[in-house]
């Protein structure tokens, strides 16, 4: 049975909009799960009737289905977990539900894509389930500063979700569920290590500044000032200022020195790329910009980009990239742009 959707604070339109989009996709997942019950249809009707925005967002989600097929096929080719999920989903019995699905009946042909797309969203088209149980979160294009304790200040970048870790009522760290966050720790006598758990590893620091980025099952830890210890089942790394390490579920990289231009660029309002694939550049732009850009030109995906763009002017950045790589742009409902 589908969980009752979370309700975003009424005074935060951006979070409310993100929550409504997530709810729309959760309804689509339910309709394709093979476990729909008659009472679910009634709940869906009540959800649609909450506001005109709910019906509009659901229509947009269905319109975006036209491009989810190719995108999700790419996910299946490159993600073994997603492919396994897809196979399990297709093996489920499908219940007769034509009589009561109402507005969702037209999506039945995409049943296999629905489960894959919800749990492995292409280009960050909607929040993945891993980030739903957060204490703090940011919407697309939003940054948020949070004072976790008297000595710990956290800045959440766009599309980021974190959850507090406490011992005896005292905050000892956070779980970074997804996204990117910067941690500023002031020094003090008797200061205890503050921990950030992301994926298979944990980063510990007593003072200084560091950043942790957790996207696509990879974690990047960057020390800005002071020292950070990164603990991982494959080994530990000690980082100093301007040093970085990357890990996934099974391995951790050696320590690397990073250039000054890349250091905390997002906190300065910039996106900096050095010999980055165009597909990766567009994925990063999608994290900051409302609407979504999908690159369907296979030949252009591996073209390399070096440069910097202002976060406040990403439409200009897209125009520059479109011109530089001779791409055609097509706008679809729901703020979707297809480059081919």
Protein backbone atom coordinates (compact mmCIF):
# COMPACT_ATOMS: atom_id res chain seq x y z
CA UNK A 1 0.00 0.00 0.00
CA UNK A 2 1.20 3.47 -0.81
CA UNK A 3 2.37 5.54 2.16
CA UNK A 4 0.49 8.75 2.87
CA UNK A 5 2.50 11.50 1.13
CA UNK A 6 4.49 13.90 3.23
CA UNK A 7 3.21 17.45 3.36
CA UNK A 8 5.71 20.26 2.75
CA UNK A 9 5.52 23.43 4.87
CA UNK A 10 2.79 25.69 3.53
CA UNK A 11 5.11 28.70 3.59
CA UNK A 12 7.73 27.06 1.35
CA UNK A 13 6.37 26.95 -2.23
CA UNK A 14 9.51 25.33 -3.63
CA UNK A 15 9.40 22.38 -1.23
CA UNK A 16 5.62 22.09 -1.65
CA UNK A 17 6.07 21.85 -5.43
CA UNK A 18 8.80 19.20 -5.08
CA UNK A 19 6.59 17.21 -2.69
CA UNK A 20 3.65 17.31 -5.09
CA UNK A 21 5.87 16.07 -7.94
CA UNK A 22 7.15 13.25 -5.76
CA UNK A 23 3.56 12.31 -4.83
CA UNK A 24 2.53 12.25 -8.49
CA UNK A 25 5.32 9.82 -9.34
CA UNK A 26 4.53 7.70 -6.29
CA UNK A 27 0.97 7.39 -7.56
CA UNK A 28 2.28 6.31 -10.96
CA UNK A 29 4.49 3.71 -9.29
CA UNK A 30 1.49 2.38 -7.34
CA UNK A 31 -0.64 2.12 -10.45
CA UNK A 32 2.03 -0.06 -12.08
CA UNK A 33 2.92 -2.12 -9.00
CA UNK A 34 0.32 -4.84 -9.48
CA UNK A 35 -0.96 -4.14 -5.96
CA UNK A 36 -3.63 -1.50 -6.61
CA UNK A 37 -6.77 -1.80 -4.48
CA UNK A 38 -10.17 -0.15 -4.96
CA UNK A 39 -9.60 2.13 -1.96
CA UNK A 40 -6.44 3.42 -3.63
CA UNK A 41 -8.55 4.78 -6.47
CA UNK A 42 -10.62 6.78 -3.99
CA UNK A 43 -7.50 8.10 -2.28
CA UNK A 44 -6.13 9.10 -5.67
CA UNK A 45 -9.31 11.04 -6.48
CA UNK A 46 -9.02 12.89 -3.15
CA UNK A 47 -5.37 13.68 -3.90
CA UNK A 48 -6.22 15.09 -7.34
CA UNK A 49 -8.93 17.25 -5.79
CA UNK A 50 -6.61 18.91 -3.27
CA UNK A 51 -5.76 21.73 -5.67
CA UNK A 52 -5.51 22.51 -9.39
CA UNK A 53 -1.73 22.13 -9.00
CA UNK A 54 -2.08 18.44 -8.11
CA UNK A 55 -3.98 17.64 -11.30
CA UNK A 56 -1.58 19.77 -13.34
CA UNK A 57 1.53 18.09 -11.92
CA UNK A 58 0.07 14.65 -12.58
CA UNK A 59 -0.66 15.60 -16.20
CA UNK A 60 2.93 16.84 -16.55
CA UNK A 61 4.25 13.57 -15.15
CA UNK A 62 2.28 11.64 -17.74
CA UNK A 63 3.48 13.94 -20.52
CA UNK A 64 7.10 13.34 -19.48
CA UNK A 65 6.49 9.62 -19.99
CA UNK A 66 7.23 10.11 -23.69
CA UNK A 67 10.94 10.57 -22.98
CA UNK A 68 11.24 8.21 -20.01
CA UNK A 69 11.41 5.14 -22.23
CA UNK A 70 14.82 5.99 -23.80
CA UNK A 71 16.15 7.44 -20.54
CA UNK A 72 15.17 4.42 -18.46
CA UNK A 73 16.57 2.07 -21.10
CA UNK A 74 19.91 3.79 -20.56
CA UNK A 75 19.58 3.26 -16.81
CA UNK A 76 18.95 -0.45 -17.34
CA UNK A 77 22.01 -0.82 -19.55
CA UNK A 78 24.31 0.89 -17.06
CA UNK A 79 22.90 -0.14 -13.67
CA UNK A 80 22.74 -3.80 -12.67
CA UNK A 81 20.60 -3.05 -9.61
CA UNK A 82 18.08 -1.20 -11.75
CA UNK A 83 17.99 -4.07 -14.25
CA UNK A 84 17.37 -6.57 -11.45
CA UNK A 85 14.59 -4.40 -10.05
CA UNK A 86 13.07 -4.18 -13.54
CA UNK A 87 13.12 -7.97 -13.94
CA UNK A 88 11.48 -8.50 -10.54
CA UNK A 89 8.84 -5.91 -11.37
CA UNK A 90 7.91 -7.55 -14.68
CA UNK A 91 7.60 -10.93 -12.92
CA UNK A 92 4.84 -9.63 -10.64
CA UNK A 93 1.23 -10.53 -11.45
CA UNK A 94 -0.73 -7.61 -12.84
CA UNK A 95 -4.19 -7.13 -11.32
CA UNK A 96 -7.20 -6.11 -13.38
CA UNK A 97 -7.58 -2.40 -12.63
CA UNK A 98 -8.94 -0.83 -15.81
CA UNK A 99 -12.30 0.00 -14.20
CA UNK A 100 -10.98 2.31 -11.49
CA UNK A 101 -7.66 3.80 -12.51
CA UNK A 102 -9.33 6.81 -14.07
CA UNK A 103 -6.76 9.45 -15.03
CA UNK A 104 -3.89 6.97 -14.82
CA UNK A 105 -5.28 4.35 -17.21
CA UNK A 106 -3.35 5.70 -20.19
CA UNK A 107 0.01 4.92 -18.60
CA UNK A 108 -0.38 1.14 -18.48
CA UNK A 109 1.95 0.53 -21.42
CA UNK A 110 4.88 1.94 -19.45
CA UNK A 111 4.53 -0.36 -16.42
CA UNK A 112 8.09 -1.67 -16.58
CA UNK A 113 9.59 1.80 -16.86
CA UNK A 114 7.66 3.13 -13.87
CA UNK A 115 9.41 1.09 -11.22
CA UNK A 116 12.87 1.62 -12.70
CA UNK A 117 12.32 5.33 -13.17
CA UNK A 118 11.06 5.95 -9.65
CA UNK A 119 13.95 4.22 -7.88
CA UNK A 120 16.65 5.22 -10.40
CA UNK A 121 15.44 8.63 -11.69
CA UNK A 122 17.20 9.67 -14.92
CA UNK A 123 18.88 13.11 -14.69
CA UNK A 124 17.37 13.68 -11.25
CA UNK A 125 13.90 14.11 -12.75
CA UNK A 126 12.37 13.62 -9.28
CA UNK A 127 13.69 12.78 -5.78
CA UNK A 128 14.80 9.18 -5.29
CA UNK A 129 13.27 7.25 -2.35
CA UNK A 130 16.59 7.28 -0.46
CA UNK A 131 16.11 10.94 0.36
CA UNK A 132 12.52 10.92 1.56
CA UNK A 133 13.21 10.55 5.32
CA UNK A 134 15.24 13.73 5.79
CA UNK A 135 15.26 16.30 8.60
CA UNK A 136 16.44 19.02 6.22
CA UNK A 137 16.18 19.19 2.46
CA UNK A 138 16.48 21.63 -0.42
CA UNK A 139 14.49 21.96 -3.61
CA UNK A 140 15.94 22.42 -7.08
CA UNK A 141 18.05 25.58 -7.20
CA UNK A 142 17.79 26.17 -3.44
CA UNK A 143 20.60 26.41 -0.88
CA UNK A 144 19.97 26.31 2.86
CA UNK A 145 22.11 27.15 5.90
CA UNK A 146 21.40 25.25 9.11
CA UNK A 147 22.99 25.68 12.53
CA UNK A 148 23.03 22.08 13.78
CA UNK A 149 24.85 22.94 17.01
CA UNK A 150 26.64 25.93 18.50
CA UNK A 151 29.80 24.94 16.64
CA UNK A 152 28.49 23.21 13.50
CA UNK A 153 27.08 25.14 10.56
CA UNK A 154 25.83 23.19 7.53
CA UNK A 155 25.09 24.56 4.07
CA UNK A 156 22.92 22.30 1.91
CA UNK A 157 23.36 22.66 -1.82
CA UNK A 158 20.55 22.11 -4.31
CA UNK A 159 18.58 18.83 -4.19
CA UNK A 160 20.17 17.75 -0.92
CA UNK A 161 18.73 15.82 2.01
CA UNK A 162 20.31 15.19 5.41
CA UNK A 163 19.21 13.52 8.63
CA UNK A 164 20.55 14.23 12.13
CA UNK A 165 22.46 11.63 14.12
CA UNK A 166 22.03 11.96 17.87
CA UNK A 167 23.32 10.24 21.01
CA UNK A 168 21.49 10.95 24.28
CA UNK A 169 19.82 13.94 22.67
CA UNK A 170 23.13 15.41 21.46
CA UNK A 171 23.79 15.89 17.74
CA UNK A 172 26.91 13.94 16.81
CA UNK A 173 26.68 14.07 13.03
CA UNK A 174 24.40 13.63 10.05
CA UNK A 175 23.48 11.12 7.38
CA UNK A 176 23.87 12.67 3.94
CA UNK A 177 21.08 10.86 2.12
CA UNK A 178 21.78 12.48 -1.23
CA UNK A 179 23.17 15.67 -2.67
CA UNK A 180 25.96 17.91 -1.46
CA UNK A 181 26.65 19.77 1.78
CA UNK A 182 29.39 21.94 3.29
CA UNK A 183 30.27 21.65 6.97
CA UNK A 184 31.88 24.51 8.91
CA UNK A 185 33.11 23.46 12.36
CA UNK A 186 34.42 25.99 14.86
CA UNK A 187 37.20 24.90 17.21
CA UNK A 188 36.81 24.68 20.94
CA UNK A 189 38.15 22.92 24.00
CA UNK A 190 36.90 19.39 24.34
CA UNK A 191 35.38 19.42 20.85
CA UNK A 192 34.26 15.98 19.78
CA UNK A 193 34.50 14.68 16.21
CA UNK A 194 31.52 15.46 14.01
CA UNK A 195 30.64 12.66 11.60
CA UNK A 196 29.03 12.65 8.17
CA UNK A 197 27.84 9.25 6.98
CA UNK A 198 27.33 8.94 3.22
CA UNK A 199 27.06 5.63 1.42
CA UNK A 200 29.57 3.08 2.71
CA UNK A 201 31.84 5.60 4.46
CA UNK A 202 32.06 8.17 7.22
CA UNK A 203 33.93 11.49 7.39
CA UNK A 204 35.10 12.80 10.77
CA UNK A 205 36.43 16.23 11.76
CA UNK A 206 36.86 18.17 15.00
CA UNK A 207 37.21 21.61 13.40
CA UNK A 208 37.73 23.23 10.02
CA UNK A 209 35.68 23.09 6.83
CA UNK A 210 34.89 20.24 4.47
CA UNK A 211 32.35 19.23 1.83
CA UNK A 212 30.69 15.90 1.05
CA UNK A 213 28.93 15.11 -2.23
CA UNK A 214 26.84 11.94 -2.62
CA UNK A 215 25.44 11.35 -6.10
CA UNK A 216 25.05 8.30 -8.35
CA UNK A 217 26.31 5.92 -5.62
CA UNK A 218 29.66 7.77 -5.40
CA UNK A 219 30.84 9.96 -2.54
CA UNK A 220 33.40 12.75 -2.88
CA UNK A 221 34.91 14.26 0.28
CA UNK A 222 36.87 17.52 0.01
CA UNK A 223 38.80 19.15 2.84
CA UNK A 224 38.73 22.94 2.58
CA UNK A 225 40.46 23.81 5.86
CA UNK A 226 41.78 21.78 8.78
CA UNK A 227 41.75 17.98 8.64
CA UNK A 228 39.21 15.27 7.82
CA UNK A 229 39.45 11.53 8.38
CA UNK A 230 37.52 9.39 5.90
CA UNK A 231 36.73 5.87 7.10
CA UNK A 232 35.65 3.17 4.65
CA UNK A 233 35.62 -0.66 4.71
CA UNK A 234 38.38 -0.58 2.07
CA UNK A 235 40.62 1.71 4.13
CA UNK A 236 40.96 5.13 5.76
CA UNK A 237 42.21 8.41 4.29
CA UNK A 238 43.52 11.50 6.06
CA UNK A 239 42.74 14.73 4.21
CA UNK A 240 44.29 18.17 4.61
CA UNK A 241 43.34 21.48 2.99
CA UNK A 242 42.65 21.23 -0.78
CA UNK A 243 42.72 17.44 -0.72
CA UNK A 244 39.98 15.10 -1.90
CA UNK A 245 39.05 11.43 -2.01
CA UNK A 246 36.25 9.54 -3.74
CA UNK A 247 34.65 6.24 -2.73
CA UNK A 248 31.79 3.94 -3.65
CA UNK A 249 30.43 0.82 -2.02
CA UNK A 250 33.58 -1.25 -2.51
CA UNK A 251 36.63 0.97 -2.96
CA UNK A 252 38.19 4.29 -1.95
CA UNK A 253 40.54 6.36 -4.09
CA UNK A 254 43.94 7.72 -3.15
CA UNK A 255 44.16 11.32 -1.92
CA UNK A 256 44.24 13.92 -4.71
CA UNK A 257 45.04 17.63 -4.72
CA UNK A 258 42.36 19.84 -6.26
CA UNK A 259 42.70 23.21 -7.99
CA UNK A 260 41.69 26.44 -6.35
CA UNK A 261 39.08 27.19 -9.04
CA UNK A 262 37.15 24.03 -8.19
CA UNK A 263 37.24 24.63 -4.45
CA UNK A 264 33.73 25.37 -3.13
CA UNK A 265 32.74 26.81 -6.52
CA UNK A 266 29.04 26.23 -5.86
CA UNK A 267 29.19 28.32 -2.68
CA UNK A 268 30.51 31.18 -4.83
CA UNK A 269 27.64 30.85 -7.31
CA UNK A 270 29.58 29.04 -10.04
CA UNK A 271 29.74 25.66 -11.73
CA UNK A 272 33.29 24.83 -12.86
CA UNK A 273 34.07 22.01 -15.30
CA UNK A 274 37.44 20.69 -16.47
CA UNK A 275 37.34 18.22 -19.38
CA UNK A 276 33.90 17.02 -18.28
CA UNK A 277 31.58 15.02 -20.52
CA UNK A 278 28.69 17.05 -21.91
CA UNK A 279 26.21 14.56 -20.48
CA UNK A 280 27.70 15.06 -17.00
CA UNK A 281 27.62 18.85 -17.41
CA UNK A 282 23.93 18.76 -18.30
CA UNK A 283 23.18 16.45 -15.37
CA UNK A 284 24.84 18.97 -13.06
CA UNK A 285 22.93 21.89 -14.59
CA UNK A 286 19.72 19.91 -14.06
CA UNK A 287 20.39 19.87 -10.34
CA UNK A 288 20.23 23.68 -10.17
CA UNK A 289 17.70 24.62 -12.83
CA UNK A 290 13.92 24.24 -12.77
CA UNK A 291 12.69 22.06 -15.59
CA UNK A 292 14.83 19.30 -17.02
CA UNK A 293 17.20 18.98 -19.96
CA UNK A 294 17.56 15.54 -21.59
CA UNK A 295 20.36 14.88 -24.09
CA UNK A 296 19.23 12.41 -26.77
CA UNK A 297 22.18 12.97 -29.13
CA UNK A 298 24.36 9.94 -28.39
CA UNK A 299 27.35 11.24 -30.32
CA UNK A 300 27.45 14.45 -28.27
CA UNK A 301 27.32 12.80 -24.85
CA UNK A 302 31.07 12.25 -24.64
CA UNK A 303 32.09 15.64 -26.01
CA UNK A 304 34.27 17.45 -23.45
CA UNK A 305 33.52 20.76 -21.75
CA UNK A 306 35.94 23.05 -19.92
CA UNK A 307 34.69 26.30 -18.46
CA UNK A 308 32.62 27.94 -15.75
CA UNK A 309 29.00 29.05 -15.65
CA UNK A 310 27.13 31.28 -13.22
CA UNK A 311 24.38 29.38 -11.41
CA UNK A 312 22.13 32.43 -11.74
CA UNK A 313 22.45 32.34 -15.56
CA UNK A 314 22.05 28.69 -16.49
CA UNK A 315 19.67 29.41 -19.37
CA UNK A 316 22.53 31.33 -20.96
CA UNK A 317 24.85 28.40 -20.26
CA UNK A 318 22.46 26.05 -22.05
CA UNK A 319 22.27 28.37 -25.05
CA UNK A 320 26.08 28.45 -25.22
CA UNK A 321 26.32 24.66 -25.04
CA UNK A 322 23.60 24.21 -27.63
CA UNK A 323 25.46 26.52 -30.01
CA UNK A 324 28.91 25.05 -29.28
CA UNK A 325 27.81 21.47 -30.02
CA UNK A 326 25.30 22.28 -32.79
CA UNK A 327 22.32 20.79 -30.96
CA UNK A 328 18.62 21.19 -31.70
CA UNK A 329 16.32 21.96 -28.75
CA UNK A 330 12.68 20.91 -28.38
CA UNK A 331 10.48 22.04 -25.48
CA UNK A 332 7.90 19.64 -24.02
CA UNK A 333 5.22 20.05 -21.33
CA UNK A 334 6.42 20.22 -17.75
CA UNK A 335 9.49 22.33 -18.46
CA UNK A 336 11.25 19.47 -20.27
CA UNK A 337 13.83 20.34 -22.94
CA UNK A 338 15.16 17.66 -25.30
CA UNK A 339 18.51 18.27 -27.00
CA UNK A 340 19.20 16.23 -30.12
